[in-house]
């Protein structure tokens, strides 16, 4: 898979994640994690649109990392079928 395909795959994956992500508990820190993740997600889409595929891929991975950390800290919940794409597992 080329880098543009890898970036597109991550954008699609994170699009699904953001469509199903829920807050487990609201707090200023949980909001901040979500905000960072969402901004990197949006940045990744911008980079992809402008054919900056490496930057798009990197931004999506950083977005994923914020959500992954937020899941481990108990800030967020995702459906069982999405847990397997994070380090929390099923």
PDB file of N, CA and C in Angstrom:
ATOM      1  N   UNK A   1       0.850  -1.175   0.000  1.00  0.00           N
ATOM      2  CA  UNK A   1       0.000   0.000   0.000  1.00  0.00           C
ATOM      3  C   UNK A   1       0.896   1.239   0.000  1.00  0.00           C
ATOM      4  N   UNK A   2       0.592   2.189  -0.819  1.00  0.00           N
ATOM      5  CA  UNK A   2       1.354   3.433  -0.861  1.00  0.00           C
ATOM      6  C   UNK A   2       0.910   4.352   0.277  1.00  0.00           C
ATOM      7  N   UNK A   3       1.659   5.408   0.488  1.00  0.00           N
ATOM      8  CA  UNK A   3       1.371   6.309   1.607  1.00  0.00           C
ATOM      9  C   UNK A   3       0.019   7.002   1.464  1.00  0.00           C
ATOM     10  N   UNK A   4      -0.408   7.311   0.236  1.00  0.00           N
ATOM     11  CA  UNK A   4      -1.724   7.945   0.091  1.00  0.00           C
ATOM     12  C   UNK A   4      -2.823   6.973   0.508  1.00  0.00           C
ATOM     13  N   UNK A   5      -2.657   5.697   0.166  1.00  0.00           N
ATOM     14  CA  UNK A   5      -3.630   4.689   0.572  1.00  0.00           C
ATOM     15  C   UNK A   5      -3.636   4.466   2.074  1.00  0.00           C
ATOM     16  N   UNK A   6      -2.450   4.487   2.675  1.00  0.00           N
ATOM     17  CA  UNK A   6      -2.354   4.321   4.127  1.00  0.00           C
ATOM     18  C   UNK A   6      -3.010   5.507   4.839  1.00  0.00           C
ATOM     19  N   UNK A   7      -2.781   6.702   4.330  1.00  0.00           N
ATOM     20  CA  UNK A   7      -3.399   7.890   4.931  1.00  0.00           C
ATOM     21  C   UNK A   7      -4.923   7.825   4.805  1.00  0.00           C
ATOM     22  N   UNK A   8      -5.394   7.439   3.636  1.00  0.00           N
ATOM     23  CA  UNK A   8      -6.837   7.330   3.426  1.00  0.00           C
ATOM     24  C   UNK A   8      -7.451   6.289   4.355  1.00  0.00           C
ATOM     25  N   UNK A   9      -6.768   5.171   4.529  1.00  0.00           N
ATOM     26  CA  UNK A   9      -7.252   4.111   5.428  1.00  0.00           C
ATOM     27  C   UNK A   9      -7.396   4.639   6.859  1.00  0.00           C
ATOM     28  N   UNK A  10      -6.406   5.404   7.330  1.00  0.00           N
ATOM     29  CA  UNK A  10      -6.465   5.936   8.685  1.00  0.00           C
ATOM     30  C   UNK A  10      -7.550   6.997   8.830  1.00  0.00           C
ATOM     31  N   UNK A  11      -7.716   7.829   7.821  1.00  0.00           N
ATOM     32  CA  UNK A  11      -8.791   8.825   7.855  1.00  0.00           C
ATOM     33  C   UNK A  11     -10.146   8.120   7.952  1.00  0.00           C
ATOM     34  N   UNK A  12     -10.334   7.092   7.160  1.00  0.00           N
ATOM     35  CA  UNK A  12     -11.597   6.346   7.189  1.00  0.00           C
ATOM     36  C   UNK A  12     -11.814   5.685   8.542  1.00  0.00           C
ATOM     37  N   UNK A  13     -10.741   5.097   9.094  1.00  0.00           N
ATOM     38  CA  UNK A  13     -10.862   4.441  10.408  1.00  0.00           C
ATOM     39  C   UNK A  13     -11.242   5.457  11.479  1.00  0.00           C
ATOM     40  N   UNK A  14     -10.572   6.604  11.493  1.00  0.00           N
ATOM     41  CA  UNK A  14     -10.859   7.600  12.517  1.00  0.00           C
ATOM     42  C   UNK A  14     -12.220   8.251  12.304  1.00  0.00           C
ATOM     43  N   UNK A  15     -12.680   8.322  11.086  1.00  0.00           N
ATOM     44  CA  UNK A  15     -14.031   8.820  10.820  1.00  0.00           C
ATOM     45  C   UNK A  15     -15.061   7.920  11.506  1.00  0.00           C
ATOM     46  N   UNK A  16     -14.863   6.627  11.420  1.00  0.00           N
ATOM     47  CA  UNK A  16     -15.756   5.676  12.097  1.00  0.00           C
ATOM     48  C   UNK A  16     -15.654   5.846  13.612  1.00  0.00           C
ATOM     49  N   UNK A  17     -14.424   5.963  14.108  1.00  0.00           N
ATOM     50  CA  UNK A  17     -14.214   6.121  15.552  1.00  0.00           C
ATOM     51  C   UNK A  17     -14.939   7.354  16.063  1.00  0.00           C
ATOM     52  N   UNK A  18     -14.759   8.493  15.413  1.00  0.00           N
ATOM     53  CA  UNK A  18     -15.418   9.713  15.882  1.00  0.00           C
ATOM     54  C   UNK A  18     -16.932   9.628  15.757  1.00  0.00           C
ATOM     55  N   UNK A  19     -17.423   8.825  14.839  1.00  0.00           N
ATOM     56  CA  UNK A  19     -18.867   8.651  14.708  1.00  0.00           C
ATOM     57  C   UNK A  19     -19.480   7.823  15.819  1.00  0.00           C
ATOM     58  N   UNK A  20     -18.649   7.030  16.512  1.00  0.00           N
ATOM     59  CA  UNK A  20     -19.171   6.132  17.550  1.00  0.00           C
ATOM     60  C   UNK A  20     -18.601   6.388  18.940  1.00  0.00           C
ATOM     61  N   UNK A  21     -17.664   7.303  19.040  1.00  0.00           N
ATOM     62  CA  UNK A  21     -17.018   7.615  20.310  1.00  0.00           C
ATOM     63  C   UNK A  21     -17.993   8.302  21.247  1.00  0.00           C
ATOM     64  N   UNK A  22     -17.960   7.917  22.512  1.00  0.00           N
ATOM     65  CA  UNK A  22     -18.782   8.553  23.538  1.00  0.00           C
ATOM     66  C   UNK A  22     -17.906   8.906  24.724  1.00  0.00           C
ATOM     67  N   UNK A  23     -18.293   9.933  25.435  1.00  0.00           N
ATOM     68  CA  UNK A  23     -17.592  10.274  26.674  1.00  0.00           C
ATOM     69  C   UNK A  23     -18.049   9.330  27.775  1.00  0.00           C
ATOM     70  N   UNK A  24     -17.104   8.762  28.490  1.00  0.00           N
ATOM     71  CA  UNK A  24     -17.428   7.942  29.656  1.00  0.00           C
ATOM     72  C   UNK A  24     -17.636   8.839  30.870  1.00  0.00           C
ATOM     73  N   UNK A  25     -16.837   9.889  30.925  1.00  0.00           N
ATOM     74  CA  UNK A  25     -16.997  10.895  31.974  1.00  0.00           C
ATOM     75  C   UNK A  25     -16.537  12.220  31.407  1.00  0.00           C
ATOM     76  N   UNK A  26     -17.238  13.256  31.764  1.00  0.00           N
ATOM     77  CA  UNK A  26     -16.888  14.597  31.294  1.00  0.00           C
ATOM     78  C   UNK A  26     -15.958  15.246  32.313  1.00  0.00           C
ATOM     79  N   UNK A  27     -14.902  15.810  31.799  1.00  0.00           N
ATOM     80  CA  UNK A  27     -13.983  16.582  32.616  1.00  0.00           C
ATOM     81  C   UNK A  27     -13.216  17.503  31.682  1.00  0.00           C
ATOM     82  N   UNK A  28     -12.537  18.473  32.249  1.00  0.00           N
ATOM     83  CA  UNK A  28     -11.752  19.389  31.424  1.00  0.00           C
ATOM     84  C   UNK A  28     -10.663  18.623  30.678  1.00  0.00           C
ATOM     85  N   UNK A  29     -10.038  17.654  31.330  1.00  0.00           N
ATOM     86  CA  UNK A  29      -8.981  16.886  30.680  1.00  0.00           C
ATOM     87  C   UNK A  29      -9.533  15.987  29.583  1.00  0.00           C
ATOM     88  N   UNK A  30     -10.674  15.367  29.814  1.00  0.00           N
ATOM     89  CA  UNK A  30     -11.310  14.552  28.776  1.00  0.00           C
ATOM     90  C   UNK A  30     -11.659  15.425  27.567  1.00  0.00           C
ATOM     91  N   UNK A  31     -12.196  16.607  27.824  1.00  0.00           N
ATOM     92  CA  UNK A  31     -12.512  17.535  26.733  1.00  0.00           C
ATOM     93  C   UNK A  31     -11.254  17.912  25.955  1.00  0.00           C
ATOM     94  N   UNK A  32     -10.153  18.122  26.679  1.00  0.00           N
ATOM     95  CA  UNK A  32      -8.902  18.496  26.034  1.00  0.00           C
ATOM     96  C   UNK A  32      -8.364  17.361  25.157  1.00  0.00           C
ATOM     97  N   UNK A  33      -8.424  16.132  25.660  1.00  0.00           N
ATOM     98  CA  UNK A  33      -7.996  14.978  24.861  1.00  0.00           C
ATOM     99  C   UNK A  33      -8.835  14.874  23.592  1.00  0.00           C
ATOM    100  N   UNK A  34     -10.145  15.035  23.735  1.00  0.00           N
ATOM    101  CA  UNK A  34     -11.040  14.966  22.582  1.00  0.00           C
ATOM    102  C   UNK A  34     -10.712  16.083  21.588  1.00  0.00           C
ATOM    103  N   UNK A  35     -10.520  17.284  22.101  1.00  0.00           N
ATOM    104  CA  UNK A  35     -10.234  18.427  21.236  1.00  0.00           C
ATOM    105  C   UNK A  35      -8.938  18.212  20.454  1.00  0.00           C
ATOM    106  N   UNK A  36      -7.894  17.752  21.131  1.00  0.00           N
ATOM    107  CA  UNK A  36      -6.633  17.481  20.433  1.00  0.00           C
ATOM    108  C   UNK A  36      -6.833  16.418  19.357  1.00  0.00           C
ATOM    109  N   UNK A  37      -7.513  15.344  19.721  1.00  0.00           N
ATOM    110  CA  UNK A  37      -7.737  14.250  18.764  1.00  0.00           C
ATOM    111  C   UNK A  37      -8.537  14.733  17.557  1.00  0.00           C
ATOM    112  N   UNK A  38      -9.569  15.486  17.801  1.00  0.00           N
ATOM    113  CA  UNK A  38     -10.428  15.975  16.715  1.00  0.00           C
ATOM    114  C   UNK A  38      -9.655  16.943  15.807  1.00  0.00           C
ATOM    115  N   UNK A  39      -8.839  17.798  16.392  1.00  0.00           N
ATOM    116  CA  UNK A  39      -8.059  18.745  15.593  1.00  0.00           C
ATOM    117  C   UNK A  39      -7.041  18.024  14.704  1.00  0.00           C
ATOM    118  N   UNK A  40      -6.367  17.019  15.258  1.00  0.00           N
ATOM    119  CA  UNK A  40      -5.429  16.252  14.436  1.00  0.00           C
ATOM    120  C   UNK A  40      -6.174  15.503  13.330  1.00  0.00           C
ATOM    121  N   UNK A  41      -7.342  14.982  13.640  1.00  0.00           N
ATOM    122  CA  UNK A  41      -8.165  14.304  12.638  1.00  0.00           C
ATOM    123  C   UNK A  41      -8.505  15.260  11.496  1.00  0.00           C
ATOM    124  N   UNK A  42      -8.962  16.447  11.840  1.00  0.00           N
ATOM    125  CA  UNK A  42      -9.311  17.437  10.821  1.00  0.00           C
ATOM    126  C   UNK A  42      -8.071  17.882  10.037  1.00  0.00           C
ATOM    127  N   UNK A  43      -6.954  18.046  10.740  1.00  0.00           N
ATOM    128  CA  UNK A  43      -5.704  18.392  10.056  1.00  0.00           C
ATOM    129  C   UNK A  43      -5.319  17.311   9.051  1.00  0.00           C
ATOM    130  N   UNK A  44      -5.475  16.055   9.445  1.00  0.00           N
ATOM    131  CA  UNK A  44      -5.155  14.956   8.537  1.00  0.00           C
ATOM    132  C   UNK A  44      -5.980  15.008   7.259  1.00  0.00           C
ATOM    133  N   UNK A  45      -7.261  15.312   7.387  1.00  0.00           N
ATOM    134  CA  UNK A  45      -8.110  15.429   6.200  1.00  0.00           C
ATOM    135  C   UNK A  45      -7.656  16.600   5.328  1.00  0.00           C
ATOM    136  N   UNK A  46      -7.263  17.702   5.957  1.00  0.00           N
ATOM    137  CA  UNK A  46      -6.769  18.863   5.213  1.00  0.00           C
ATOM    138  C   UNK A  46      -5.490  18.501   4.446  1.00  0.00           C
ATOM    139  N   UNK A  47      -4.561  17.856   5.137  1.00  0.00           N
ATOM    140  CA  UNK A  47      -3.311  17.460   4.480  1.00  0.00           C
ATOM    141  C   UNK A  47      -3.581  16.504   3.321  1.00  0.00           C
ATOM    142  N   UNK A  48      -4.484  15.562   3.537  1.00  0.00           N
ATOM    143  CA  UNK A  48      -4.797  14.601   2.477  1.00  0.00           C
ATOM    144  C   UNK A  48      -5.349  15.317   1.248  1.00  0.00           C
ATOM    145  N   UNK A  49      -6.270  16.232   1.481  1.00  0.00           N
ATOM    146  CA  UNK A  49      -6.876  16.997   0.385  1.00  0.00           C
ATOM    147  C   UNK A  49      -5.813  17.756  -0.404  1.00  0.00           C
ATOM    148  N   UNK A  50      -4.761  18.187   0.287  1.00  0.00           N
ATOM    149  CA  UNK A  50      -3.684  18.950  -0.336  1.00  0.00           C
ATOM    150  C   UNK A  50      -2.498  18.071  -0.736  1.00  0.00           C
ATOM    151  N   UNK A  51      -2.748  16.758  -0.820  1.00  0.00           N
ATOM    152  CA  UNK A  51      -1.781  15.760  -1.275  1.00  0.00           C
ATOM    153  C   UNK A  51      -0.494  15.741  -0.455  1.00  0.00           C
ATOM    154  N   UNK A  52      -0.618  16.059   0.810  1.00  0.00           N
ATOM    155  CA  UNK A  52       0.498  15.930   1.754  1.00  0.00           C
ATOM    156  C   UNK A  52       0.226  14.655   2.556  1.00  0.00           C
ATOM    157  N   UNK A  53       0.492  13.531   1.904  1.00  0.00           N
ATOM    158  CA  UNK A  53       0.045  12.245   2.419  1.00  0.00           C
ATOM    159  C   UNK A  53       0.801  11.797   3.669  1.00  0.00           C
ATOM    160  N   UNK A  54       2.078  12.091   3.758  1.00  0.00           N
ATOM    161  CA  UNK A  54       2.828  11.719   4.963  1.00  0.00           C
ATOM    162  C   UNK A  54       2.287  12.491   6.158  1.00  0.00           C
ATOM    163  N   UNK A  55       2.089  13.788   5.990  1.00  0.00           N
ATOM    164  CA  UNK A  55       1.545  14.603   7.069  1.00  0.00           C
ATOM    165  C   UNK A  55       0.136  14.153   7.441  1.00  0.00           C
ATOM    166  N   UNK A  56      -0.664  13.780   6.445  1.00  0.00           N
ATOM    167  CA  UNK A  56      -2.021  13.287   6.710  1.00  0.00           C
ATOM    168  C   UNK A  56      -1.976  12.017   7.543  1.00  0.00           C
ATOM    169  N   UNK A  57      -1.116  11.085   7.157  1.00  0.00           N
ATOM    170  CA  UNK A  57      -0.977   9.833   7.898  1.00  0.00           C
ATOM    171  C   UNK A  57      -0.533  10.111   9.333  1.00  0.00           C
ATOM    172  N   UNK A  58       0.477  10.948   9.491  1.00  0.00           N
ATOM    173  CA  UNK A  58       0.984  11.270  10.824  1.00  0.00           C
ATOM    174  C   UNK A  58      -0.099  11.900  11.698  1.00  0.00           C
ATOM    175  N   UNK A  59      -0.852  12.842  11.145  1.00  0.00           N
ATOM    176  CA  UNK A  59      -1.902  13.506  11.914  1.00  0.00           C
ATOM    177  C   UNK A  59      -2.964  12.512  12.371  1.00  0.00           C
ATOM    178  N   UNK A  60      -3.321  11.578  11.507  1.00  0.00           N
ATOM    179  CA  UNK A  60      -4.332  10.572  11.883  1.00  0.00           C
ATOM    180  C   UNK A  60      -3.814   9.648  12.984  1.00  0.00           C
ATOM    181  N   UNK A  61      -2.548   9.302  12.920  1.00  0.00           N
ATOM    182  CA  UNK A  61      -1.970   8.438  13.962  1.00  0.00           C
ATOM    183  C   UNK A  61      -1.920   9.172  15.297  1.00  0.00           C
ATOM    184  N   UNK A  62      -1.603  10.459  15.280  1.00  0.00           N
ATOM    185  CA  UNK A  62      -1.610  11.233  16.520  1.00  0.00           C
ATOM    186  C   UNK A  62      -3.034  11.320  17.067  1.00  0.00           C
ATOM    187  N   UNK A  63      -4.009  11.517  16.206  1.00  0.00           N
ATOM    188  CA  UNK A  63      -5.406  11.536  16.631  1.00  0.00           C
ATOM    189  C   UNK A  63      -5.773  10.209  17.298  1.00  0.00           C
ATOM    190  N   UNK A  64      -5.389   9.111  16.651  1.00  0.00           N
ATOM    191  CA  UNK A  64      -5.643   7.772  17.207  1.00  0.00           C
ATOM    192  C   UNK A  64      -5.010   7.644  18.594  1.00  0.00           C
ATOM    193  N   UNK A  65      -3.786   8.144  18.744  1.00  0.00           N
ATOM    194  CA  UNK A  65      -3.073   8.010  20.021  1.00  0.00           C
ATOM    195  C   UNK A  65      -3.792   8.758  21.146  1.00  0.00           C
ATOM    196  N   UNK A  66      -4.326   9.938  20.850  1.00  0.00           N
ATOM    197  CA  UNK A  66      -5.078  10.662  21.877  1.00  0.00           C
ATOM    198  C   UNK A  66      -6.334   9.893  22.284  1.00  0.00           C
ATOM    199  N   UNK A  67      -7.030   9.325  21.326  1.00  0.00           N
ATOM    200  CA  UNK A  67      -8.222   8.536  21.662  1.00  0.00           C
ATOM    201  C   UNK A  67      -7.824   7.288  22.429  1.00  0.00           C
ATOM    202  N   UNK A  68      -6.765   6.616  22.006  1.00  0.00           N
ATOM    203  CA  UNK A  68      -6.288   5.420  22.694  1.00  0.00           C
ATOM    204  C   UNK A  68      -5.953   5.734  24.156  1.00  0.00           C
ATOM    205  N   UNK A  69      -5.224   6.816  24.377  1.00  0.00           N
ATOM    206  CA  UNK A  69      -4.880   7.208  25.750  1.00  0.00           C
ATOM    207  C   UNK A  69      -6.139   7.565  26.532  1.00  0.00           C
ATOM    208  N   UNK A  70      -7.069   8.272  25.891  1.00  0.00           N
ATOM    209  CA  UNK A  70      -8.320   8.631  26.555  1.00  0.00           C
ATOM    210  C   UNK A  70      -9.149   7.412  26.937  1.00  0.00           C
ATOM    211  N   UNK A  71      -9.097   6.382  26.113  1.00  0.00           N
ATOM    212  CA  UNK A  71      -9.789   5.132  26.451  1.00  0.00           C
ATOM    213  C   UNK A  71      -9.146   4.492  27.680  1.00  0.00           C
ATOM    214  N   UNK A  72      -7.829   4.455  27.711  1.00  0.00           N
ATOM    215  CA  UNK A  72      -7.125   3.864  28.852  1.00  0.00           C
ATOM    216  C   UNK A  72      -7.367   4.637  30.140  1.00  0.00           C
ATOM    217  N   UNK A  73      -7.522   5.949  30.019  1.00  0.00           N
ATOM    218  CA  UNK A  73      -7.766   6.786  31.199  1.00  0.00           C
ATOM    219  C   UNK A  73      -9.239   6.822  31.609  1.00  0.00           C
ATOM    220  N   UNK A  74     -10.089   6.149  30.834  1.00  0.00           N
ATOM    221  CA  UNK A  74     -11.511   6.088  31.165  1.00  0.00           C
ATOM    222  C   UNK A  74     -12.309   7.298  30.728  1.00  0.00           C
ATOM    223  N   UNK A  75     -11.748   8.124  29.843  1.00  0.00           N
ATOM    224  CA  UNK A  75     -12.456   9.309  29.362  1.00  0.00           C
ATOM    225  C   UNK A  75     -13.526   8.963  28.332  1.00  0.00           C
ATOM    226  N   UNK A  76     -13.250   7.942  27.515  1.00  0.00           N
ATOM    227  CA  UNK A  76     -14.108   7.623  26.378  1.00  0.00           C
ATOM    228  C   UNK A  76     -14.545   6.162  26.398  1.00  0.00           C
ATOM    229  N   UNK A  77     -15.580   5.898  25.632  1.00  0.00           N
ATOM    230  CA  UNK A  77     -16.036   4.536  25.338  1.00  0.00           C
ATOM    231  C   UNK A  77     -16.209   4.418  23.832  1.00  0.00           C
ATOM    232  N   UNK A  78     -15.930   3.224  23.324  1.00  0.00           N
ATOM    233  CA  UNK A  78     -16.228   2.888  21.935  1.00  0.00           C
ATOM    234  C   UNK A  78     -16.911   1.531  21.943  1.00  0.00           C
ATOM    235  N   UNK A  79     -17.722   1.240  20.929  1.00  0.00           N
ATOM    236  CA  UNK A  79     -18.371  -0.067  20.857  1.00  0.00           C
ATOM    237  C   UNK A  79     -17.340  -1.195  20.795  1.00  0.00           C
ATOM    238  N   UNK A  80     -17.776  -2.356  21.203  1.00  0.00           N
ATOM    239  CA  UNK A  80     -16.893  -3.519  21.272  1.00  0.00           C
ATOM    240  C   UNK A  80     -16.164  -3.776  19.956  1.00  0.00           C
ATOM    241  N   UNK A  81     -16.843  -3.617  18.825  1.00  0.00           N
ATOM    242  CA  UNK A  81     -16.207  -3.908  17.534  1.00  0.00           C
ATOM    243  C   UNK A  81     -15.068  -2.941  17.222  1.00  0.00           C
ATOM    244  N   UNK A  82     -15.038  -1.788  17.853  1.00  0.00           N
ATOM    245  CA  UNK A  82     -13.938  -0.836  17.635  1.00  0.00           C
ATOM    246  C   UNK A  82     -12.814  -0.974  18.652  1.00  0.00           C
ATOM    247  N   UNK A  83     -13.059  -1.652  19.745  1.00  0.00           N
ATOM    248  CA  UNK A  83     -12.029  -1.788  20.780  1.00  0.00           C
ATOM    249  C   UNK A  83     -10.787  -2.496  20.236  1.00  0.00           C
ATOM    250  N   UNK A  84     -10.977  -3.357  19.258  1.00  0.00           N
ATOM    251  CA  UNK A  84      -9.833  -4.121  18.728  1.00  0.00           C
ATOM    252  C   UNK A  84      -8.845  -3.251  17.955  1.00  0.00           C
ATOM    253  N   UNK A  85      -9.217  -2.043  17.548  1.00  0.00           N
ATOM    254  CA  UNK A  85      -8.274  -1.173  16.832  1.00  0.00           C
ATOM    255  C   UNK A  85      -7.475  -0.301  17.798  1.00  0.00           C
ATOM    256  N   UNK A  86      -7.699  -0.476  19.099  1.00  0.00           N
ATOM    257  CA  UNK A  86      -6.961   0.261  20.121  1.00  0.00           C
ATOM    258  C   UNK A  86      -6.215  -0.719  21.021  1.00  0.00           C
ATOM    259  N   UNK A  87      -5.318  -0.194  21.829  1.00  0.00           N
ATOM    260  CA  UNK A  87      -4.507  -1.067  22.698  1.00  0.00           C
ATOM    261  C   UNK A  87      -5.291  -1.625  23.877  1.00  0.00           C
ATOM    262  N   UNK A  88      -6.501  -1.153  24.098  1.00  0.00           N
ATOM    263  CA  UNK A  88      -7.319  -1.688  25.183  1.00  0.00           C
ATOM    264  C   UNK A  88      -7.877  -3.068  24.834  1.00  0.00           C
ATOM    265  N   UNK A  89      -7.919  -3.399  23.565  1.00  0.00           N
ATOM    266  CA  UNK A  89      -8.415  -4.713  23.115  1.00  0.00           C
ATOM    267  C   UNK A  89      -9.887  -4.891  23.347  1.00  0.00           C
ATOM    268  N   UNK A  90     -10.301  -6.118  23.178  1.00  0.00           N
ATOM    269  CA  UNK A  90     -11.739  -6.434  23.325  1.00  0.00           C
ATOM    270  C   UNK A  90     -12.039  -6.670  24.748  1.00  0.00           C
TER     271      UNK A  90
END
